[in-house]
Amino acid sequence: MTSVQLAEASNAAVYASMITLTLAMVAFAVSFASGRRRVTVPSTPAGQQPGRRAANIGMSLTWLSFLLLLVGVVLRGVWAGRVPWGNMYEFSITAALGVLGVYLGMSIRRDLRWLGLFVVIPTLLWLGLAITVLYTEAAQLVPALKSYWLVIHVAAAIICFGAFTFAAATAGLALVRGRAERRADSTEVMGWLSRVPDHERLERLTNTVIAFAFPLWTFAVVAGAIWAENAWGRYWGWDPKETWAFITWVIFAAYLHARSTAGWRGSRASWIVLAGWVSFLINYFGVNIFVNSLHSYSGM
């Protein structure tokens, strides 16, 4: 294939992934809408919960979207002749792949169909932003990026992006579900929230994901410091991206500490997760796009 054909094939795969993700979003939404009627429609002819078939379709479409997006990312790398995360567009589509990968990987051992809608929506937003605002032609890397640390550091950051987004979704749902349970004075709630696990299970799931991602984010920060020494001759210079990476690290460290402190469990800990996710997004979007720094080469 020529470079033009590779570019067109990569873009087509990304667009196809967005189409299937949109269909998955509709399927998951139908599943939740069916859940709202569960009080009046106690069972389906097959004896399953209402909306289960739509949720299964949503999961199948999400797997298909993941595979299509993977093809798009790989073709982008073949076209560029390097790892496909040398600019904001490439990082964005690969980060979206990371979000889907974490969700689908977690769903292998757990029934997470109830979470699909809250994973698919932000993933569609990342991809939409990537193709409408951040898209750029593949180009050769600047000298500072021509290092094996690009693979190590950014790969860890991509996995953390997926994990932190997953945790933000479960933490947000834990807050909403917990409030509904307090109002009902029971763990049994009505409406679409009846399809979501109780807040304690959501909080445990959030903690599991953060406990996995935090050491990896620590490694990403350390790897970035080592890479900075190789590229710029210093390990740490409080560059805006370095500063926000450290702020994100501190917030998630505070979360893990909060989980081990009885007085900061529950909704308070969930709010810390959301704060950490926002900090990560500021580091991802704000610093790269709006702030001049040594990392500006990774922008548009």
C-alpha atoms as a PDB file:
ATOM      1  CA  MET A   1       0.000   0.000   0.000  1.00  0.00           C
ATOM      2  CA  THR A   2       1.144   3.532  -0.716  1.00  0.00           C
ATOM      3  CA  SER A   3       1.379   6.140   2.021  1.00  0.00           C
ATOM      4  CA  VAL A   4      -1.833   7.747   0.795  1.00  0.00           C
ATOM      5  CA  GLN A   5      -3.658   4.428   0.873  1.00  0.00           C
ATOM      6  CA  LEU A   6      -2.352   3.709   4.382  1.00  0.00           C
ATOM      7  CA  ALA A   7      -3.536   7.113   5.565  1.00  0.00           C
ATOM      8  CA  GLU A   8      -6.963   6.643   4.026  1.00  0.00           C
ATOM      9  CA  ALA A   9      -7.274   3.127   5.457  1.00  0.00           C
ATOM     10  CA  SER A  10      -6.292   4.339   8.934  1.00  0.00           C
ATOM     11  CA  ASN A  11      -8.804   7.185   8.817  1.00  0.00           C
ATOM     12  CA  ALA A  12     -11.517   4.863   7.492  1.00  0.00           C
ATOM     13  CA  ALA A  13     -10.911   2.414  10.351  1.00  0.00           C
ATOM     14  CA  VAL A  14     -11.168   5.214  12.918  1.00  0.00           C
ATOM     15  CA  TYR A  15     -14.432   6.470  11.357  1.00  0.00           C
ATOM     16  CA  ALA A  16     -15.811   2.915  11.233  1.00  0.00           C
ATOM     17  CA  SER A  17     -14.935   2.514  14.906  1.00  0.00           C
ATOM     18  CA  MET A  18     -16.859   5.683  15.720  1.00  0.00           C
ATOM     19  CA  ILE A  19     -19.900   4.434  13.813  1.00  0.00           C
ATOM     20  CA  THR A  20     -19.939   1.119  15.670  1.00  0.00           C
ATOM     21  CA  LEU A  21     -19.359   2.928  18.971  1.00  0.00           C
ATOM     22  CA  THR A  22     -22.369   5.109  18.231  1.00  0.00           C
ATOM     23  CA  LEU A  23     -24.467   2.003  17.642  1.00  0.00           C
ATOM     24  CA  ALA A  24     -23.091   0.508  20.859  1.00  0.00           C
ATOM     25  CA  MET A  25     -24.086   3.673  22.715  1.00  0.00           C
ATOM     26  CA  VAL A  26     -27.627   3.352  21.372  1.00  0.00           C
ATOM     27  CA  ALA A  27     -27.769  -0.301  22.396  1.00  0.00           C
ATOM     28  CA  PHE A  28     -26.560   0.448  25.924  1.00  0.00           C
ATOM     29  CA  ALA A  29     -29.038   3.339  26.164  1.00  0.00           C
ATOM     30  CA  VAL A  30     -31.870   1.006  25.128  1.00  0.00           C
ATOM     31  CA  SER A  31     -30.735  -1.402  27.830  1.00  0.00           C
ATOM     32  CA  PHE A  32     -30.972   1.317  30.470  1.00  0.00           C
ATOM     33  CA  ALA A  33     -34.328   2.492  29.154  1.00  0.00           C
ATOM     34  CA  SER A  34     -35.604  -1.056  29.542  1.00  0.00           C
ATOM     35  CA  GLY A  35     -34.289  -1.070  33.081  1.00  0.00           C
ATOM     36  CA  ARG A  36     -36.498   1.901  33.942  1.00  0.00           C
ATOM     37  CA  ARG A  37     -39.544  -0.250  33.200  1.00  0.00           C
ATOM     38  CA  ARG A  38     -38.421  -3.161  35.292  1.00  0.00           C
ATOM     39  CA  VAL A  39     -40.947  -2.421  38.018  1.00  0.00           C
ATOM     40  CA  THR A  40     -43.818  -2.934  35.571  1.00  0.00           C
ATOM     41  CA  VAL A  41     -42.223  -5.584  33.313  1.00  0.00           C
ATOM     42  CA  PRO A  42     -40.865  -8.149  35.772  1.00  0.00           C
ATOM     43  CA  SER A  43     -39.292 -10.515  33.225  1.00  0.00           C
ATOM     44  CA  THR A  44     -38.821 -11.241  29.570  1.00  0.00           C
ATOM     45  CA  PRO A  45     -40.035 -14.462  27.873  1.00  0.00           C
ATOM     46  CA  ALA A  46     -36.533 -15.843  28.307  1.00  0.00           C
ATOM     47  CA  GLY A  47     -36.576 -15.027  32.005  1.00  0.00           C
ATOM     48  CA  GLN A  48     -33.803 -12.450  31.644  1.00  0.00           C
ATOM     49  CA  GLN A  49     -33.656  -8.897  32.932  1.00  0.00           C
ATOM     50  CA  PRO A  50     -35.201  -6.369  30.553  1.00  0.00           C
ATOM     51  CA  GLY A  51     -32.564  -4.828  28.303  1.00  0.00           C
ATOM     52  CA  ARG A  52     -30.100  -7.683  28.621  1.00  0.00           C
ATOM     53  CA  ARG A  53     -30.223  -8.463  24.914  1.00  0.00           C
ATOM     54  CA  ALA A  54     -29.573  -4.829  24.021  1.00  0.00           C
ATOM     55  CA  ALA A  55     -26.649  -4.779  26.453  1.00  0.00           C
ATOM     56  CA  ASN A  56     -25.209  -7.906  24.832  1.00  0.00           C
ATOM     57  CA  ILE A  57     -25.449  -6.217  21.432  1.00  0.00           C
ATOM     58  CA  GLY A  58     -23.726  -3.166  22.904  1.00  0.00           C
ATOM     59  CA  MET A  59     -20.851  -5.298  24.215  1.00  0.00           C
ATOM     60  CA  SER A  60     -20.427  -7.032  20.857  1.00  0.00           C
ATOM     61  CA  LEU A  61     -20.344  -3.686  19.060  1.00  0.00           C
ATOM     62  CA  THR A  62     -17.832  -2.358  21.587  1.00  0.00           C
ATOM     63  CA  TRP A  63     -15.511  -5.289  20.869  1.00  0.00           C
ATOM     64  CA  LEU A  64     -15.882  -4.610  17.147  1.00  0.00           C
ATOM     65  CA  SER A  65     -15.125  -0.920  17.721  1.00  0.00           C
ATOM     66  CA  PHE A  66     -12.004  -1.835  19.675  1.00  0.00           C
ATOM     67  CA  LEU A  67     -10.732  -4.040  16.844  1.00  0.00           C
ATOM     68  CA  LEU A  68     -11.467  -1.392  14.199  1.00  0.00           C
ATOM     69  CA  LEU A  69      -9.745   1.298  16.225  1.00  0.00           C
ATOM     70  CA  LEU A  70      -6.778  -1.008  16.786  1.00  0.00           C
ATOM     71  CA  VAL A  71      -6.493  -1.424  13.020  1.00  0.00           C
ATOM     72  CA  GLY A  72      -6.645   2.359  12.607  1.00  0.00           C
ATOM     73  CA  VAL A  73      -3.889   2.929  15.164  1.00  0.00           C
ATOM     74  CA  VAL A  74      -1.645   0.219  13.689  1.00  0.00           C
ATOM     75  CA  LEU A  75      -2.098   1.542  10.145  1.00  0.00           C
ATOM     76  CA  ARG A  76      -1.282   5.039  11.383  1.00  0.00           C
ATOM     77  CA  GLY A  77       1.961   3.691  12.803  1.00  0.00           C
ATOM     78  CA  VAL A  78       2.803   1.867   9.565  1.00  0.00           C
ATOM     79  CA  TRP A  79       2.081   5.038   7.611  1.00  0.00           C
ATOM     80  CA  ALA A  80       4.265   7.153   9.917  1.00  0.00           C
ATOM     81  CA  GLY A  81       6.995   4.518  10.160  1.00  0.00           C
ATOM     82  CA  ARG A  82       7.114   4.815  13.954  1.00  0.00           C
ATOM     83  CA  VAL A  83       4.996   4.274  17.053  1.00  0.00           C
ATOM     84  CA  PRO A  84       1.651   6.025  16.481  1.00  0.00           C
ATOM     85  CA  TRP A  85       1.713   8.542  19.293  1.00  0.00           C
ATOM     86  CA  GLY A  86       3.979  11.345  18.128  1.00  0.00           C
ATOM     87  CA  ASN A  87       1.332  14.104  18.302  1.00  0.00           C
ATOM     88  CA  MET A  88      -1.964  14.914  19.996  1.00  0.00           C
ATOM     89  CA  TYR A  89      -4.127  13.263  17.333  1.00  0.00           C
ATOM     90  CA  GLU A  90      -2.222   9.997  17.530  1.00  0.00           C
ATOM     91  CA  PHE A  91      -2.181  10.016  21.315  1.00  0.00           C
ATOM     92  CA  SER A  92      -5.921  10.728  21.378  1.00  0.00           C
ATOM     93  CA  ILE A  93      -6.938   7.797  19.187  1.00  0.00           C
ATOM     94  CA  THR A  94      -4.545   5.525  21.066  1.00  0.00           C
ATOM     95  CA  ALA A  95      -5.864   6.796  24.412  1.00  0.00           C
ATOM     96  CA  ALA A  96      -9.400   5.996  23.234  1.00  0.00           C
ATOM     97  CA  LEU A  97      -8.131   2.522  22.400  1.00  0.00           C
ATOM     98  CA  GLY A  98      -6.724   2.331  25.927  1.00  0.00           C
ATOM     99  CA  VAL A  99     -10.094   3.221  27.475  1.00  0.00           C
ATOM    100  CA  LEU A 100     -11.859   0.506  25.486  1.00  0.00           C
ATOM    101  CA  GLY A 101      -9.048  -1.954  26.208  1.00  0.00           C
ATOM    102  CA  VAL A 102      -9.247  -1.463  29.979  1.00  0.00           C
ATOM    103  CA  TYR A 103     -13.032  -1.753  29.955  1.00  0.00           C
ATOM    104  CA  LEU A 104     -13.127  -4.862  27.781  1.00  0.00           C
ATOM    105  CA  GLY A 105     -10.237  -6.432  29.662  1.00  0.00           C
ATOM    106  CA  MET A 106     -12.031  -5.904  32.970  1.00  0.00           C
ATOM    107  CA  SER A 107     -15.258  -7.272  31.479  1.00  0.00           C
ATOM    108  CA  ILE A 108     -13.663 -10.645  30.729  1.00  0.00           C
ATOM    109  CA  ARG A 109     -13.906 -11.631  34.387  1.00  0.00           C
ATOM    110  CA  ARG A 110     -16.778  -9.346  35.429  1.00  0.00           C
ATOM    111  CA  ASP A 111     -20.206  -8.547  34.048  1.00  0.00           C
ATOM    112  CA  LEU A 112     -19.749  -4.873  33.183  1.00  0.00           C
ATOM    113  CA  ARG A 113     -22.510  -4.392  30.647  1.00  0.00           C
ATOM    114  CA  TRP A 114     -24.071  -1.853  32.994  1.00  0.00           C
ATOM    115  CA  LEU A 115     -20.947   0.326  32.620  1.00  0.00           C
ATOM    116  CA  GLY A 116     -20.805   0.284  28.834  1.00  0.00           C
ATOM    117  CA  LEU A 117     -22.747   3.496  28.258  1.00  0.00           C
ATOM    118  CA  PHE A 118     -20.455   5.438  30.590  1.00  0.00           C
ATOM    119  CA  VAL A 119     -17.337   4.181  28.806  1.00  0.00           C
ATOM    120  CA  VAL A 120     -18.561   4.500  25.234  1.00  0.00           C
ATOM    121  CA  ILE A 121     -19.676   8.144  25.588  1.00  0.00           C
ATOM    122  CA  PRO A 122     -16.281   9.596  26.680  1.00  0.00           C
ATOM    123  CA  THR A 123     -14.503   7.404  24.133  1.00  0.00           C
ATOM    124  CA  LEU A 124     -16.669   8.858  21.370  1.00  0.00           C
ATOM    125  CA  LEU A 125     -15.863  12.341  22.656  1.00  0.00           C
ATOM    126  CA  TRP A 126     -12.093  11.657  22.512  1.00  0.00           C
ATOM    127  CA  LEU A 127     -12.359  10.356  18.971  1.00  0.00           C
ATOM    128  CA  GLY A 128     -14.616  13.187  17.863  1.00  0.00           C
ATOM    129  CA  LEU A 129     -12.184  15.746  19.270  1.00  0.00           C
ATOM    130  CA  ALA A 130      -9.278  13.933  17.634  1.00  0.00           C
ATOM    131  CA  ILE A 131     -10.679  13.914  14.111  1.00  0.00           C
ATOM    132  CA  THR A 132     -12.275  17.394  14.168  1.00  0.00           C
ATOM    133  CA  VAL A 133      -9.752  19.479  16.132  1.00  0.00           C
ATOM    134  CA  LEU A 134      -6.516  17.578  16.654  1.00  0.00           C
ATOM    135  CA  TYR A 135      -6.090  15.803  13.329  1.00  0.00           C
ATOM    136  CA  THR A 136      -2.730  16.311  11.640  1.00  0.00           C
ATOM    137  CA  GLU A 137      -0.727  14.510   8.999  1.00  0.00           C
ATOM    138  CA  ALA A 138       1.934  12.101  10.175  1.00  0.00           C
ATOM    139  CA  ALA A 139       5.372  13.711  10.416  1.00  0.00           C
ATOM    140  CA  GLN A 140       8.826  12.767  11.559  1.00  0.00           C
ATOM    141  CA  LEU A 141       9.527  13.066  15.253  1.00  0.00           C
ATOM    142  CA  VAL A 142      11.508  15.974  16.631  1.00  0.00           C
ATOM    143  CA  PRO A 143      14.916  14.908  18.018  1.00  0.00           C
ATOM    144  CA  ALA A 144      13.737  14.870  21.653  1.00  0.00           C
ATOM    145  CA  LEU A 145      11.096  12.245  20.810  1.00  0.00           C
ATOM    146  CA  LYS A 146      13.446   9.907  18.977  1.00  0.00           C
ATOM    147  CA  SER A 147      14.004   7.635  21.921  1.00  0.00           C
ATOM    148  CA  TYR A 148      12.868   4.222  23.121  1.00  0.00           C
ATOM    149  CA  TRP A 149      11.549   6.077  26.163  1.00  0.00           C
ATOM    150  CA  LEU A 150       8.741   7.329  23.923  1.00  0.00           C
ATOM    151  CA  VAL A 151       7.418   3.777  23.735  1.00  0.00           C
ATOM    152  CA  ILE A 152       7.887   3.080  27.445  1.00  0.00           C
ATOM    153  CA  HIS A 153       6.683   6.374  28.909  1.00  0.00           C
ATOM    154  CA  VAL A 154       3.720   7.022  26.604  1.00  0.00           C
ATOM    155  CA  ALA A 155       2.536   3.400  26.597  1.00  0.00           C
ATOM    156  CA  ALA A 156       2.283   3.531  30.401  1.00  0.00           C
ATOM    157  CA  ALA A 157       0.440   6.870  30.197  1.00  0.00           C
ATOM    158  CA  ILE A 158      -2.051   5.453  27.673  1.00  0.00           C
ATOM    159  CA  ILE A 159      -2.906   2.510  29.926  1.00  0.00           C
ATOM    160  CA  CYS A 160      -3.297   4.902  32.869  1.00  0.00           C
ATOM    161  CA  PHE A 161      -5.593   7.101  30.778  1.00  0.00           C
ATOM    162  CA  GLY A 162      -7.858   4.123  30.212  1.00  0.00           C
ATOM    163  CA  ALA A 163      -7.744   3.051  33.850  1.00  0.00           C
ATOM    164  CA  PHE A 164      -8.358   6.526  35.262  1.00  0.00           C
ATOM    165  CA  THR A 165     -11.286   7.069  32.885  1.00  0.00           C
ATOM    166  CA  PHE A 166     -12.769   3.711  33.916  1.00  0.00           C
ATOM    167  CA  ALA A 167     -12.321   4.625  37.598  1.00  0.00           C
ATOM    168  CA  ALA A 168     -13.863   8.062  37.078  1.00  0.00           C
ATOM    169  CA  ALA A 169     -16.945   6.420  35.565  1.00  0.00           C
ATOM    170  CA  THR A 170     -17.380   4.012  38.488  1.00  0.00           C
ATOM    171  CA  ALA A 171     -16.628   6.723  41.049  1.00  0.00           C
ATOM    172  CA  GLY A 172     -19.222   9.032  39.489  1.00  0.00           C
ATOM    173  CA  LEU A 173     -21.797   6.256  39.471  1.00  0.00           C
ATOM    174  CA  ALA A 174     -20.960   5.456  43.105  1.00  0.00           C
ATOM    175  CA  LEU A 175     -21.784   9.038  44.057  1.00  0.00           C
ATOM    176  CA  VAL A 176     -25.111   9.002  42.192  1.00  0.00           C
ATOM    177  CA  ARG A 177     -26.073   5.532  43.395  1.00  0.00           C
ATOM    178  CA  GLY A 178     -25.072   6.310  46.977  1.00  0.00           C
ATOM    179  CA  ARG A 179     -27.248   9.416  47.015  1.00  0.00           C
ATOM    180  CA  ALA A 180     -30.194   7.441  45.637  1.00  0.00           C
ATOM    181  CA  GLU A 181     -29.731   4.757  48.307  1.00  0.00           C
ATOM    182  CA  ARG A 182     -29.673   7.348  51.070  1.00  0.00           C
ATOM    183  CA  ARG A 183     -32.897   8.882  49.763  1.00  0.00           C
ATOM    184  CA  ALA A 184     -34.570   5.467  49.564  1.00  0.00           C
ATOM    185  CA  ASP A 185     -33.049   4.434  52.904  1.00  0.00           C
ATOM    186  CA  SER A 186     -32.225   1.129  51.212  1.00  0.00           C
ATOM    187  CA  THR A 187     -29.836  -0.451  48.702  1.00  0.00           C
ATOM    188  CA  GLU A 188     -32.872  -1.140  46.487  1.00  0.00           C
ATOM    189  CA  VAL A 189     -33.475   1.760  44.120  1.00  0.00           C
ATOM    190  CA  MET A 190     -35.817   2.289  41.194  1.00  0.00           C
ATOM    191  CA  GLY A 191     -35.283   3.431  37.609  1.00  0.00           C
ATOM    192  CA  TRP A 192     -32.089   3.133  35.594  1.00  0.00           C
ATOM    193  CA  LEU A 193     -29.965   3.023  38.747  1.00  0.00           C
ATOM    194  CA  SER A 194     -31.462  -0.398  39.477  1.00  0.00           C
ATOM    195  CA  ARG A 195     -29.167  -1.706  36.721  1.00  0.00           C
ATOM    196  CA  VAL A 196     -26.081  -0.344  38.497  1.00  0.00           C
ATOM    197  CA  PRO A 197     -24.417  -2.188  41.422  1.00  0.00           C
ATOM    198  CA  ASP A 198     -24.752  -0.736  44.904  1.00  0.00           C
ATOM    199  CA  HIS A 199     -22.362   2.045  45.881  1.00  0.00           C
ATOM    200  CA  GLU A 200     -20.128  -0.196  48.000  1.00  0.00           C
ATOM    201  CA  ARG A 201     -19.412  -2.516  45.099  1.00  0.00           C
ATOM    202  CA  LEU A 202     -18.773   0.456  42.843  1.00  0.00           C
ATOM    203  CA  GLU A 203     -16.332   1.902  45.360  1.00  0.00           C
ATOM    204  CA  ARG A 204     -14.496  -1.419  45.638  1.00  0.00           C
ATOM    205  CA  LEU A 205     -14.240  -1.648  41.850  1.00  0.00           C
ATOM    206  CA  THR A 206     -12.899   1.895  41.696  1.00  0.00           C
ATOM    207  CA  ASN A 207     -10.307   1.099  44.341  1.00  0.00           C
ATOM    208  CA  THR A 208      -9.200  -2.029  42.466  1.00  0.00           C
ATOM    209  CA  VAL A 209      -8.581  -0.064  39.270  1.00  0.00           C
ATOM    210  CA  ILE A 210      -6.747   2.793  41.009  1.00  0.00           C
ATOM    211  CA  ALA A 211      -4.619   0.318  42.968  1.00  0.00           C
ATOM    212  CA  PHE A 212      -3.544  -1.133  39.608  1.00  0.00           C
ATOM    213  CA  ALA A 213      -3.074   2.192  37.802  1.00  0.00           C
ATOM    214  CA  PHE A 214      -1.275   4.177  40.518  1.00  0.00           C
ATOM    215  CA  PRO A 215       1.986   2.168  40.449  1.00  0.00           C
ATOM    216  CA  LEU A 216       1.902   2.329  36.654  1.00  0.00           C
ATOM    217  CA  TRP A 217       1.431   6.105  36.766  1.00  0.00           C
ATOM    218  CA  THR A 218       4.314   6.318  39.232  1.00  0.00           C
ATOM    219  CA  PHE A 219       6.424   4.398  36.723  1.00  0.00           C
ATOM    220  CA  ALA A 220       5.280   6.736  33.917  1.00  0.00           C
ATOM    221  CA  VAL A 221       6.343   9.814  35.915  1.00  0.00           C
ATOM    222  CA  VAL A 222       9.720   8.285  36.764  1.00  0.00           C
ATOM    223  CA  ALA A 223      10.242   7.135  33.169  1.00  0.00           C
ATOM    224  CA  GLY A 224       9.420  10.649  31.992  1.00  0.00           C
ATOM    225  CA  ALA A 225      12.040  12.074  34.345  1.00  0.00           C
ATOM    226  CA  ILE A 226      14.675   9.663  33.028  1.00  0.00           C
ATOM    227  CA  TRP A 227      13.718  10.542  29.459  1.00  0.00           C
ATOM    228  CA  ALA A 228      13.953  14.264  30.315  1.00  0.00           C
ATOM    229  CA  GLU A 229      17.504  13.763  31.542  1.00  0.00           C
ATOM    230  CA  ASN A 230      18.432  12.070  28.277  1.00  0.00           C
ATOM    231  CA  ALA A 231      16.721  14.745  26.147  1.00  0.00           C
ATOM    232  CA  TRP A 232      17.348  17.952  28.098  1.00  0.00           C
ATOM    233  CA  GLY A 233      20.064  17.123  30.596  1.00  0.00           C
ATOM    234  CA  ARG A 234      17.924  17.348  33.742  1.00  0.00           C
ATOM    235  CA  TYR A 235      15.536  14.975  35.458  1.00  0.00           C
ATOM    236  CA  TRP A 236      12.993  17.524  36.637  1.00  0.00           C
ATOM    237  CA  GLY A 237      12.462  21.180  35.854  1.00  0.00           C
ATOM    238  CA  TRP A 238       8.883  21.850  36.964  1.00  0.00           C
ATOM    239  CA  ASP A 239       7.790  22.205  33.364  1.00  0.00           C
ATOM    240  CA  PRO A 240       3.954  22.603  33.279  1.00  0.00           C
ATOM    241  CA  LYS A 241       3.439  19.019  32.109  1.00  0.00           C
ATOM    242  CA  GLU A 242       5.792  17.691  34.749  1.00  0.00           C
ATOM    243  CA  THR A 243       4.036  19.771  37.376  1.00  0.00           C
ATOM    244  CA  TRP A 244       0.549  18.533  36.429  1.00  0.00           C
ATOM    245  CA  ALA A 245       1.800  14.950  36.207  1.00  0.00           C
ATOM    246  CA  PHE A 246       3.030  15.327  39.787  1.00  0.00           C
ATOM    247  CA  ILE A 247      -0.255  16.941  40.889  1.00  0.00           C
ATOM    248  CA  THR A 248      -2.142  13.995  39.391  1.00  0.00           C
ATOM    249  CA  TRP A 249       0.170  11.601  41.215  1.00  0.00           C
ATOM    250  CA  VAL A 250      -0.412  13.408  44.532  1.00  0.00           C
ATOM    251  CA  ILE A 251      -4.202  13.319  44.112  1.00  0.00           C
ATOM    252  CA  PHE A 252      -4.341   9.585  43.448  1.00  0.00           C
ATOM    253  CA  ALA A 253      -1.867   8.964  46.271  1.00  0.00           C
ATOM    254  CA  ALA A 254      -4.265  10.929  48.493  1.00  0.00           C
ATOM    255  CA  TYR A 255      -7.117   8.721  47.279  1.00  0.00           C
ATOM    256  CA  LEU A 256      -5.311   5.529  48.240  1.00  0.00           C
ATOM    257  CA  HIS A 257      -4.522   7.066  51.611  1.00  0.00           C
ATOM    258  CA  ALA A 258      -8.163   8.095  51.978  1.00  0.00           C
ATOM    259  CA  ARG A 259      -9.309   4.540  51.283  1.00  0.00           C
ATOM    260  CA  SER A 260      -7.101   3.306  54.115  1.00  0.00           C
ATOM    261  CA  THR A 261      -8.523   5.928  56.484  1.00  0.00           C
ATOM    262  CA  ALA A 262     -12.004   5.106  57.742  1.00  0.00           C
ATOM    263  CA  GLY A 263     -13.088   8.753  57.892  1.00  0.00           C
ATOM    264  CA  TRP A 264     -12.459   9.286  54.175  1.00  0.00           C
ATOM    265  CA  ARG A 265     -14.170   6.301  52.618  1.00  0.00           C
ATOM    266  CA  GLY A 266     -17.330   6.524  50.575  1.00  0.00           C
ATOM    267  CA  SER A 267     -18.282   9.675  48.680  1.00  0.00           C
ATOM    268  CA  ARG A 268     -15.265  11.674  49.807  1.00  0.00           C
ATOM    269  CA  ALA A 269     -12.891   9.142  48.258  1.00  0.00           C
ATOM    270  CA  SER A 270     -14.954   9.084  45.066  1.00  0.00           C
ATOM    271  CA  TRP A 271     -14.662  12.859  44.757  1.00  0.00           C
ATOM    272  CA  ILE A 272     -10.879  12.535  45.003  1.00  0.00           C
ATOM    273  CA  VAL A 273     -10.908  10.095  42.065  1.00  0.00           C
ATOM    274  CA  LEU A 274     -12.866  12.577  39.970  1.00  0.00           C
ATOM    275  CA  ALA A 275     -10.434  15.343  40.943  1.00  0.00           C
ATOM    276  CA  GLY A 276      -7.520  13.146  39.862  1.00  0.00           C
ATOM    277  CA  TRP A 277      -9.176  12.432  36.529  1.00  0.00           C
ATOM    278  CA  VAL A 278      -9.770  16.150  35.919  1.00  0.00           C
ATOM    279  CA  SER A 279      -6.117  16.809  36.759  1.00  0.00           C
ATOM    280  CA  PHE A 280      -5.087  14.157  34.230  1.00  0.00           C
ATOM    281  CA  LEU A 281      -7.283  15.818  31.571  1.00  0.00           C
ATOM    282  CA  ILE A 282      -5.755  19.223  32.305  1.00  0.00           C
ATOM    283  CA  ASN A 283      -2.324  17.679  31.816  1.00  0.00           C
ATOM    284  CA  TYR A 284      -3.495  16.030  28.605  1.00  0.00           C
ATOM    285  CA  PHE A 285      -5.490  18.847  26.970  1.00  0.00           C
ATOM    286  CA  GLY A 286      -4.670  22.084  28.728  1.00  0.00           C
ATOM    287  CA  VAL A 287      -0.897  21.842  28.928  1.00  0.00           C
ATOM    288  CA  ASN A 288      -0.417  20.464  25.422  1.00  0.00           C
ATOM    289  CA  ILE A 289      -2.754  22.905  23.691  1.00  0.00           C
ATOM    290  CA  PHE A 290      -2.788  26.131  25.712  1.00  0.00           C
ATOM    291  CA  VAL A 291       0.567  26.285  27.520  1.00  0.00           C
ATOM    292  CA  ASN A 292       3.999  26.870  26.012  1.00  0.00           C
ATOM    293  CA  SER A 293       6.449  24.378  27.436  1.00  0.00           C
ATOM    294  CA  LEU A 294       9.164  21.931  26.515  1.00  0.00           C
ATOM    295  CA  HIS A 295       6.356  19.478  25.741  1.00  0.00           C
ATOM    296  CA  SER A 296       4.692  21.752  23.188  1.00  0.00           C
ATOM    297  CA  TYR A 297       6.065  19.630  20.342  1.00  0.00           C
ATOM    298  CA  SER A 298       3.518  16.980  21.252  1.00  0.00           C
ATOM    299  CA  GLY A 299       0.645  19.339  20.538  1.00  0.00           C
ATOM    300  CA  MET A 300      -1.309  19.774  17.315  1.00  0.00           C
END
